[in-house]
Amino acid sequence: MMRVRSLGSGSSGNATVVESRDGASTTRVLIDCGFSVRELLRRLDGSALDVQDIDAVVITHEHGDHAGCAVTLARRFGLALWTSRGTWAAIGADADGVRPQWLCDRQPAAIGALQLLPFAVPHDAREPLQFCVSDGDSQLGVLTDIGSLTPTVVERLQGCDALVLECNHDLQMLAASSYPQSLKARIAGSRGHLSNDTAAELLALVQHPRLRHVVAAHLSERNNHPTLARDALCGVLGCKPEDVGVADPLTGFDWIDLH
């Protein structure tokens, strides 16, 4: 059985726990840990998890709200760390005590009972990856930092049972915000972040009868609102607002069982 929960999602930090249980065996992977070690441990504890329950840390890209304490955490607690070579080079970390295992676009990677399928995305980072995760029975798509849709992204997210989907900003709120024009252009650009409208466009392209769980993630605290993100996704799914989850920056979202 596979399940997922978020420890927090937003510009202040992102971390997602994916777990697979097969009899007495459990595999847990932490996708991103964009917090300080102290804060991450606090959030794990609030989720009834211990850092030693984590089998591997996976970094999507080098930005602080995703890479955060990953290297320190892996070194201090002896955790396996997986990332792309480009991300590792961009982090520029002291490798003493940490030997990354490499992830590549479209190359599956097995971590215990979980299989990760990384795929490249357009984002303003060195070699950013996002993931589909499977336990052999169910599939989860995690897409939290991407500036525009590509055929590869649409192809990879087909057949997911659950989807954690970036809904970073509302276009009108971003346009009216006090952000400098250069920052607005970066966020809305082809290597920035998904708007609610573009997230809904992607959802329409990957929607299918087995897609049972959709969570809006990485919402901007200044340029979006949960109601706007929900409305955009509900318009595609034809469901009630409460049927679409929203990841909170402080609490993330509770466990979602994919079976």
C-alpha atoms as a PDB file:
ATOM      1  CA  MET A   1       0.000   0.000   0.000  1.00  0.00           C
ATOM      2  CA  MET A   2       1.328   3.428  -0.923  1.00  0.00           C
ATOM      3  CA  ARG A   3       0.424   6.696   0.736  1.00  0.00           C
ATOM      4  CA  VAL A   4       1.677  10.285   0.688  1.00  0.00           C
ATOM      5  CA  ARG A   5       1.648  13.309   2.939  1.00  0.00           C
ATOM      6  CA  SER A   6       3.149  16.774   2.824  1.00  0.00           C
ATOM      7  CA  LEU A   7       5.063  18.392   5.676  1.00  0.00           C
ATOM      8  CA  GLY A   8       4.540  21.804   4.090  1.00  0.00           C
ATOM      9  CA  SER A   9       4.422  23.317   0.624  1.00  0.00           C
ATOM     10  CA  GLY A  10       5.069  26.883  -0.452  1.00  0.00           C
ATOM     11  CA  SER A  11       7.810  29.430  -1.021  1.00  0.00           C
ATOM     12  CA  SER A  12       8.882  29.003   2.622  1.00  0.00           C
ATOM     13  CA  GLY A  13       9.696  25.316   2.141  1.00  0.00           C
ATOM     14  CA  ASN A  14       8.591  22.005   0.654  1.00  0.00           C
ATOM     15  CA  ALA A  15       8.802  18.408   1.844  1.00  0.00           C
ATOM     16  CA  THR A  16       6.749  15.366   0.831  1.00  0.00           C
ATOM     17  CA  VAL A  17       6.840  11.904   2.397  1.00  0.00           C
ATOM     18  CA  VAL A  18       5.946   8.913   0.212  1.00  0.00           C
ATOM     19  CA  GLU A  19       5.516   5.583   1.962  1.00  0.00           C
ATOM     20  CA  SER A  20       5.016   2.014   0.784  1.00  0.00           C
ATOM     21  CA  ARG A  21       4.026  -0.803   3.130  1.00  0.00           C
ATOM     22  CA  ASP A  22       4.313  -4.416   2.066  1.00  0.00           C
ATOM     23  CA  GLY A  23       3.648  -6.729   4.985  1.00  0.00           C
ATOM     24  CA  ALA A  24       6.288  -6.058   7.638  1.00  0.00           C
ATOM     25  CA  SER A  25       8.436  -4.023   5.228  1.00  0.00           C
ATOM     26  CA  THR A  26       8.095  -0.240   4.922  1.00  0.00           C
ATOM     27  CA  THR A  27       9.892   2.153   2.584  1.00  0.00           C
ATOM     28  CA  ARG A  28       9.726   5.906   3.147  1.00  0.00           C
ATOM     29  CA  VAL A  29      11.191   8.516   0.831  1.00  0.00           C
ATOM     30  CA  LEU A  30      11.382  12.235   1.548  1.00  0.00           C
ATOM     31  CA  ILE A  31      11.041  14.261  -1.647  1.00  0.00           C
ATOM     32  CA  ASP A  32      12.685  17.617  -0.920  1.00  0.00           C
ATOM     33  CA  CYS A  33      13.370  19.039   2.536  1.00  0.00           C
ATOM     34  CA  GLY A  34      13.332  22.792   2.117  1.00  0.00           C
ATOM     35  CA  PHE A  35      13.568  23.626   5.818  1.00  0.00           C
ATOM     36  CA  SER A  36      16.234  23.822   8.503  1.00  0.00           C
ATOM     37  CA  VAL A  37      17.106  20.536  10.186  1.00  0.00           C
ATOM     38  CA  ARG A  38      15.390  21.665  13.376  1.00  0.00           C
ATOM     39  CA  GLU A  39      12.198  22.632  11.554  1.00  0.00           C
ATOM     40  CA  LEU A  40      12.128  19.460   9.493  1.00  0.00           C
ATOM     41  CA  LEU A  41      12.539  17.298  12.596  1.00  0.00           C
ATOM     42  CA  ARG A  42       9.725  19.227  14.251  1.00  0.00           C
ATOM     43  CA  ARG A  43       7.433  18.630  11.277  1.00  0.00           C
ATOM     44  CA  LEU A  44       8.325  14.951  11.133  1.00  0.00           C
ATOM     45  CA  ASP A  45       7.560  14.619  14.829  1.00  0.00           C
ATOM     46  CA  GLY A  46       4.190  16.335  14.293  1.00  0.00           C
ATOM     47  CA  SER A  47       3.460  13.648  11.696  1.00  0.00           C
ATOM     48  CA  ALA A  48       4.400  10.844  14.115  1.00  0.00           C
ATOM     49  CA  LEU A  49       7.570  10.165  12.120  1.00  0.00           C
ATOM     50  CA  ASP A  50      11.219  10.030  13.107  1.00  0.00           C
ATOM     51  CA  VAL A  51      14.080  10.954  10.823  1.00  0.00           C
ATOM     52  CA  GLN A  52      15.324   7.380  11.136  1.00  0.00           C
ATOM     53  CA  ASP A  53      12.043   6.273   9.546  1.00  0.00           C
ATOM     54  CA  ILE A  54      13.259   7.871   6.296  1.00  0.00           C
ATOM     55  CA  ASP A  55      15.122   5.578   3.900  1.00  0.00           C
ATOM     56  CA  ALA A  56      16.215   8.205   1.380  1.00  0.00           C
ATOM     57  CA  VAL A  57      16.110  11.916   0.635  1.00  0.00           C
ATOM     58  CA  VAL A  58      15.382  12.943  -2.964  1.00  0.00           C
ATOM     59  CA  ILE A  59      16.118  16.495  -4.139  1.00  0.00           C
ATOM     60  CA  THR A  60      14.244  17.860  -7.134  1.00  0.00           C
ATOM     61  CA  HIS A  61      16.515  20.904  -7.615  1.00  0.00           C
ATOM     62  CA  GLU A  62      18.861  23.246  -5.806  1.00  0.00           C
ATOM     63  CA  HIS A  63      16.559  26.085  -4.739  1.00  0.00           C
ATOM     64  CA  GLY A  64      16.544  26.594  -0.988  1.00  0.00           C
ATOM     65  CA  ASP A  65      12.843  25.904  -0.510  1.00  0.00           C
ATOM     66  CA  HIS A  66      13.481  22.405  -1.882  1.00  0.00           C
ATOM     67  CA  ALA A  67      17.114  21.481  -1.171  1.00  0.00           C
ATOM     68  CA  GLY A  68      17.127  23.152   2.261  1.00  0.00           C
ATOM     69  CA  CYS A  69      18.821  20.901   4.796  1.00  0.00           C
ATOM     70  CA  ALA A  70      19.105  17.834   2.541  1.00  0.00           C
ATOM     71  CA  VAL A  71      22.888  17.533   2.609  1.00  0.00           C
ATOM     72  CA  THR A  72      23.175  18.227   6.338  1.00  0.00           C
ATOM     73  CA  LEU A  73      20.358  15.803   7.074  1.00  0.00           C
ATOM     74  CA  ALA A  74      21.893  13.041   4.973  1.00  0.00           C
ATOM     75  CA  ARG A  75      25.301  13.538   6.566  1.00  0.00           C
ATOM     76  CA  ARG A  76      24.083  13.784  10.165  1.00  0.00           C
ATOM     77  CA  PHE A  77      21.745  10.798  10.048  1.00  0.00           C
ATOM     78  CA  GLY A  78      23.431   8.647   7.425  1.00  0.00           C
ATOM     79  CA  LEU A  79      20.571   8.851   4.939  1.00  0.00           C
ATOM     80  CA  ALA A  80      20.849   8.000   1.260  1.00  0.00           C
ATOM     81  CA  LEU A  81      20.613  11.101  -0.923  1.00  0.00           C
ATOM     82  CA  TRP A  82      19.405  11.015  -4.541  1.00  0.00           C
ATOM     83  CA  THR A  83      19.590  13.892  -7.000  1.00  0.00           C
ATOM     84  CA  SER A  84      20.712  14.867 -10.484  1.00  0.00           C
ATOM     85  CA  ARG A  85      24.360  15.646 -11.186  1.00  0.00           C
ATOM     86  CA  GLY A  86      23.378  19.167 -12.217  1.00  0.00           C
ATOM     87  CA  THR A  87      21.535  19.813  -8.967  1.00  0.00           C
ATOM     88  CA  TRP A  88      24.452  18.501  -6.929  1.00  0.00           C
ATOM     89  CA  ALA A  89      26.885  20.738  -8.814  1.00  0.00           C
ATOM     90  CA  ALA A  90      24.592  23.741  -8.326  1.00  0.00           C
ATOM     91  CA  ILE A  91      24.322  23.107  -4.598  1.00  0.00           C
ATOM     92  CA  GLY A  92      28.117  23.137  -4.411  1.00  0.00           C
ATOM     93  CA  ALA A  93      27.996  21.111  -1.214  1.00  0.00           C
ATOM     94  CA  ASP A  94      30.866  19.662   0.759  1.00  0.00           C
ATOM     95  CA  ALA A  95      30.594  15.996  -0.173  1.00  0.00           C
ATOM     96  CA  ASP A  96      32.351  14.662   2.944  1.00  0.00           C
ATOM     97  CA  GLY A  97      30.139  11.965   4.414  1.00  0.00           C
ATOM     98  CA  VAL A  98      27.600  12.150   1.584  1.00  0.00           C
ATOM     99  CA  ARG A  99      27.794  10.145  -1.617  1.00  0.00           C
ATOM    100  CA  PRO A 100      24.818  11.046  -3.803  1.00  0.00           C
ATOM    101  CA  GLN A 101      23.129   8.486  -5.966  1.00  0.00           C
ATOM    102  CA  TRP A 102      22.354   9.941  -9.356  1.00  0.00           C
ATOM    103  CA  LEU A 103      18.961  10.474 -10.906  1.00  0.00           C
ATOM    104  CA  CYS A 104      18.566  11.055 -14.638  1.00  0.00           C
ATOM    105  CA  ASP A 105      15.698  12.046 -16.881  1.00  0.00           C
ATOM    106  CA  ARG A 106      13.525   9.024 -17.748  1.00  0.00           C
ATOM    107  CA  GLN A 107      15.811   6.577 -15.909  1.00  0.00           C
ATOM    108  CA  PRO A 108      13.851   4.610 -13.249  1.00  0.00           C
ATOM    109  CA  ALA A 109      15.397   4.319  -9.801  1.00  0.00           C
ATOM    110  CA  ALA A 110      14.404   1.730  -7.187  1.00  0.00           C
ATOM    111  CA  ILE A 111      14.399   2.732  -3.519  1.00  0.00           C
ATOM    112  CA  GLY A 112      13.183  -0.190  -1.467  1.00  0.00           C
ATOM    113  CA  ALA A 113       9.619  -1.010  -2.497  1.00  0.00           C
ATOM    114  CA  LEU A 114       9.236   2.279  -4.371  1.00  0.00           C
ATOM    115  CA  GLN A 115      10.194   3.028  -7.949  1.00  0.00           C
ATOM    116  CA  LEU A 116      10.899   6.609  -8.953  1.00  0.00           C
ATOM    117  CA  LEU A 117      10.601   7.755 -12.539  1.00  0.00           C
ATOM    118  CA  PRO A 118      12.315  11.157 -12.815  1.00  0.00           C
ATOM    119  CA  PHE A 119      11.486  13.480 -15.681  1.00  0.00           C
ATOM    120  CA  ALA A 120      13.022  16.777 -16.726  1.00  0.00           C
ATOM    121  CA  VAL A 121      10.964  19.956 -16.411  1.00  0.00           C
ATOM    122  CA  PRO A 122      11.406  23.570 -17.554  1.00  0.00           C
ATOM    123  CA  HIS A 123      12.406  25.505 -14.430  1.00  0.00           C
ATOM    124  CA  ASP A 124      15.156  28.022 -13.731  1.00  0.00           C
ATOM    125  CA  ALA A 125      17.512  25.528 -12.125  1.00  0.00           C
ATOM    126  CA  ARG A 126      20.571  23.527 -13.256  1.00  0.00           C
ATOM    127  CA  GLU A 127      19.014  20.087 -13.900  1.00  0.00           C
ATOM    128  CA  PRO A 128      15.569  20.035 -12.262  1.00  0.00           C
ATOM    129  CA  LEU A 129      13.554  16.835 -12.044  1.00  0.00           C
ATOM    130  CA  GLN A 130      10.055  15.971 -10.948  1.00  0.00           C
ATOM    131  CA  PHE A 131       8.722  12.490 -10.288  1.00  0.00           C
ATOM    132  CA  CYS A 132       6.213   9.759 -10.709  1.00  0.00           C
ATOM    133  CA  VAL A 133       6.403   7.277  -7.835  1.00  0.00           C
ATOM    134  CA  SER A 134       4.977   3.760  -7.924  1.00  0.00           C
ATOM    135  CA  ASP A 135       4.763   0.748  -5.629  1.00  0.00           C
ATOM    136  CA  GLY A 136       3.725  -1.490  -8.513  1.00  0.00           C
ATOM    137  CA  ASP A 137       0.011  -1.097  -7.827  1.00  0.00           C
ATOM    138  CA  SER A 138      -0.537   2.674  -7.668  1.00  0.00           C
ATOM    139  CA  GLN A 139       1.162   5.724  -9.133  1.00  0.00           C
ATOM    140  CA  LEU A 140       1.691   9.182  -7.671  1.00  0.00           C
ATOM    141  CA  GLY A 141       2.689  12.242  -9.685  1.00  0.00           C
ATOM    142  CA  VAL A 142       4.597  15.038  -7.929  1.00  0.00           C
ATOM    143  CA  LEU A 143       4.950  18.262  -9.893  1.00  0.00           C
ATOM    144  CA  THR A 144       5.749  21.310  -7.774  1.00  0.00           C
ATOM    145  CA  ASP A 145       8.158  23.518  -9.767  1.00  0.00           C
ATOM    146  CA  ILE A 146       7.650  23.955 -13.485  1.00  0.00           C
ATOM    147  CA  GLY A 147       7.208  26.958 -15.724  1.00  0.00           C
ATOM    148  CA  SER A 148       5.377  25.522 -18.736  1.00  0.00           C
ATOM    149  CA  LEU A 149       3.879  22.344 -20.116  1.00  0.00           C
ATOM    150  CA  THR A 150       5.895  20.013 -22.301  1.00  0.00           C
ATOM    151  CA  PRO A 151       4.922  16.815 -24.120  1.00  0.00           C
ATOM    152  CA  THR A 152       7.202  14.875 -21.747  1.00  0.00           C
ATOM    153  CA  VAL A 153       5.451  16.212 -18.660  1.00  0.00           C
ATOM    154  CA  VAL A 154       2.025  15.393 -20.061  1.00  0.00           C
ATOM    155  CA  GLU A 155       3.189  11.934 -21.097  1.00  0.00           C
ATOM    156  CA  ARG A 156       4.749  11.110 -17.729  1.00  0.00           C
ATOM    157  CA  LEU A 157       1.715  12.106 -15.685  1.00  0.00           C
ATOM    158  CA  GLN A 158      -0.677   9.868 -17.575  1.00  0.00           C
ATOM    159  CA  GLY A 159      -2.259   7.139 -15.471  1.00  0.00           C
ATOM    160  CA  CYS A 160      -1.622   8.625 -12.036  1.00  0.00           C
ATOM    161  CA  ASP A 161      -3.896   7.625  -9.155  1.00  0.00           C
ATOM    162  CA  ALA A 162      -2.960  10.788  -7.245  1.00  0.00           C
ATOM    163  CA  LEU A 163      -1.420  14.075  -8.293  1.00  0.00           C
ATOM    164  CA  VAL A 164       0.331  16.762  -6.254  1.00  0.00           C
ATOM    165  CA  LEU A 165       0.174  19.662  -8.677  1.00  0.00           C
ATOM    166  CA  GLU A 166       1.728  23.104  -8.501  1.00  0.00           C
ATOM    167  CA  CYS A 167      -0.801  25.952  -8.491  1.00  0.00           C
ATOM    168  CA  ASN A 168       1.624  28.729  -7.691  1.00  0.00           C
ATOM    169  CA  HIS A 169      -0.167  31.909  -8.633  1.00  0.00           C
ATOM    170  CA  ASP A 170      -3.286  33.570  -9.922  1.00  0.00           C
ATOM    171  CA  LEU A 171      -2.369  35.610 -12.994  1.00  0.00           C
ATOM    172  CA  GLN A 172      -4.412  38.654 -11.985  1.00  0.00           C
ATOM    173  CA  MET A 173      -3.096  38.669  -8.420  1.00  0.00           C
ATOM    174  CA  LEU A 174       0.469  38.387  -9.680  1.00  0.00           C
ATOM    175  CA  ALA A 175      -0.003  41.214 -12.177  1.00  0.00           C
ATOM    176  CA  ALA A 176      -1.434  43.467  -9.453  1.00  0.00           C
ATOM    177  CA  SER A 177       1.168  42.562  -6.818  1.00  0.00           C
ATOM    178  CA  SER A 178       3.938  44.808  -5.549  1.00  0.00           C
ATOM    179  CA  TYR A 179       6.623  42.468  -6.887  1.00  0.00           C
ATOM    180  CA  PRO A 180       9.210  44.059  -9.204  1.00  0.00           C
ATOM    181  CA  GLN A 181       8.402  43.557 -12.861  1.00  0.00           C
ATOM    182  CA  SER A 182      11.476  41.357 -13.292  1.00  0.00           C
ATOM    183  CA  LEU A 183      10.270  38.987 -10.578  1.00  0.00           C
ATOM    184  CA  LYS A 184       6.772  38.885 -12.044  1.00  0.00           C
ATOM    185  CA  ALA A 185       8.266  37.988 -15.423  1.00  0.00           C
ATOM    186  CA  ARG A 186      10.382  35.227 -13.861  1.00  0.00           C
ATOM    187  CA  ILE A 187       7.446  33.674 -11.996  1.00  0.00           C
ATOM    188  CA  ALA A 188       5.121  33.773 -15.005  1.00  0.00           C
ATOM    189  CA  GLY A 189       7.828  32.822 -17.493  1.00  0.00           C
ATOM    190  CA  SER A 190       8.331  29.506 -19.267  1.00  0.00           C
ATOM    191  CA  ARG A 191      10.915  28.449 -16.641  1.00  0.00           C
ATOM    192  CA  GLY A 192       9.086  29.822 -13.629  1.00  0.00           C
ATOM    193  CA  HIS A 193       5.961  28.480 -11.942  1.00  0.00           C
ATOM    194  CA  LEU A 194       2.522  27.255 -12.968  1.00  0.00           C
ATOM    195  CA  SER A 195      -0.476  29.528 -12.696  1.00  0.00           C
ATOM    196  CA  ASN A 196      -3.842  28.146 -11.638  1.00  0.00           C
ATOM    197  CA  ASP A 197      -4.993  28.322 -15.256  1.00  0.00           C
ATOM    198  CA  THR A 198      -2.025  26.375 -16.611  1.00  0.00           C
ATOM    199  CA  ALA A 199      -2.318  23.794 -13.830  1.00  0.00           C
ATOM    200  CA  ALA A 200      -5.954  23.306 -14.827  1.00  0.00           C
ATOM    201  CA  GLU A 201      -4.888  22.951 -18.464  1.00  0.00           C
ATOM    202  CA  LEU A 202      -2.432  20.221 -17.495  1.00  0.00           C
ATOM    203  CA  LEU A 203      -5.014  18.472 -15.339  1.00  0.00           C
ATOM    204  CA  ALA A 204      -7.409  18.366 -18.291  1.00  0.00           C
ATOM    205  CA  LEU A 205      -4.715  16.624 -20.348  1.00  0.00           C
ATOM    206  CA  VAL A 206      -3.978  13.907 -17.765  1.00  0.00           C
ATOM    207  CA  GLN A 207      -7.389  13.392 -16.181  1.00  0.00           C
ATOM    208  CA  HIS A 208      -8.734   9.827 -16.319  1.00  0.00           C
ATOM    209  CA  PRO A 209     -11.194   7.691 -14.299  1.00  0.00           C
ATOM    210  CA  ARG A 210      -8.556   6.299 -11.898  1.00  0.00           C
ATOM    211  CA  LEU A 211      -7.290   9.728 -10.841  1.00  0.00           C
ATOM    212  CA  ARG A 212      -8.871   9.851  -7.391  1.00  0.00           C
ATOM    213  CA  HIS A 213      -6.802  12.420  -5.510  1.00  0.00           C
ATOM    214  CA  VAL A 214      -5.676  15.872  -6.639  1.00  0.00           C
ATOM    215  CA  VAL A 215      -3.852  18.294  -4.337  1.00  0.00           C
ATOM    216  CA  ALA A 216      -2.930  21.869  -5.254  1.00  0.00           C
ATOM    217  CA  ALA A 217       0.583  22.627  -3.990  1.00  0.00           C
ATOM    218  CA  HIS A 218       3.259  25.327  -3.818  1.00  0.00           C
ATOM    219  CA  LEU A 219       0.690  28.151  -3.601  1.00  0.00           C
ATOM    220  CA  SER A 220       2.138  31.648  -3.367  1.00  0.00           C
ATOM    221  CA  GLU A 221       1.132  33.265  -0.089  1.00  0.00           C
ATOM    222  CA  ARG A 222       0.911  36.679  -1.786  1.00  0.00           C
ATOM    223  CA  ASN A 223      -0.274  35.879  -5.291  1.00  0.00           C
ATOM    224  CA  ASN A 224      -2.809  33.093  -4.830  1.00  0.00           C
ATOM    225  CA  HIS A 225      -5.579  31.862  -2.578  1.00  0.00           C
ATOM    226  CA  PRO A 226      -6.730  28.300  -1.881  1.00  0.00           C
ATOM    227  CA  THR A 227     -10.226  29.105  -3.148  1.00  0.00           C
ATOM    228  CA  LEU A 228      -8.876  30.243  -6.526  1.00  0.00           C
ATOM    229  CA  ALA A 229      -6.679  27.170  -6.927  1.00  0.00           C
ATOM    230  CA  ARG A 230      -9.524  24.837  -5.965  1.00  0.00           C
ATOM    231  CA  ASP A 231     -11.951  26.532  -8.326  1.00  0.00           C
ATOM    232  CA  ALA A 232      -9.538  26.174 -11.249  1.00  0.00           C
ATOM    233  CA  LEU A 233      -9.015  22.451 -10.665  1.00  0.00           C
ATOM    234  CA  CYS A 234     -12.649  21.728  -9.798  1.00  0.00           C
ATOM    235  CA  GLY A 235     -13.649  23.311 -13.082  1.00  0.00           C
ATOM    236  CA  VAL A 236     -11.752  20.529 -14.847  1.00  0.00           C
ATOM    237  CA  LEU A 237     -12.777  17.671 -12.579  1.00  0.00           C
ATOM    238  CA  GLY A 238     -16.411  18.724 -12.255  1.00  0.00           C
ATOM    239  CA  CYS A 239     -16.251  18.070  -8.509  1.00  0.00           C
ATOM    240  CA  LYS A 240     -16.994  19.898  -5.271  1.00  0.00           C
ATOM    241  CA  PRO A 241     -14.298  22.226  -3.852  1.00  0.00           C
ATOM    242  CA  GLU A 242     -13.793  19.974  -0.838  1.00  0.00           C
ATOM    243  CA  ASP A 243     -12.844  17.126  -3.180  1.00  0.00           C
ATOM    244  CA  VAL A 244      -9.627  18.936  -4.136  1.00  0.00           C
ATOM    245  CA  GLY A 245      -6.924  19.208  -1.492  1.00  0.00           C
ATOM    246  CA  VAL A 246      -4.674  22.200  -0.915  1.00  0.00           C
ATOM    247  CA  ALA A 247      -1.219  21.820   0.643  1.00  0.00           C
ATOM    248  CA  ASP A 248      -0.698  24.318   3.459  1.00  0.00           C
ATOM    249  CA  PRO A 249       2.721  25.991   3.873  1.00  0.00           C
ATOM    250  CA  LEU A 250       2.739  25.193   7.602  1.00  0.00           C
ATOM    251  CA  THR A 251       0.985  21.838   7.819  1.00  0.00           C
ATOM    252  CA  GLY A 252       1.086  20.427   4.285  1.00  0.00           C
ATOM    253  CA  PHE A 253      -1.655  17.825   3.997  1.00  0.00           C
ATOM    254  CA  ASP A 254      -2.481  14.660   5.913  1.00  0.00           C
ATOM    255  CA  TRP A 255      -1.866  11.133   4.660  1.00  0.00           C
ATOM    256  CA  ILE A 256      -3.597  10.175   1.427  1.00  0.00           C
ATOM    257  CA  ASP A 257      -3.937   6.455   0.788  1.00  0.00           C
ATOM    258  CA  LEU A 258      -3.659   5.603  -2.884  1.00  0.00           C
ATOM    259  CA  HIS A 259      -5.468   2.262  -2.622  1.00  0.00           C
END
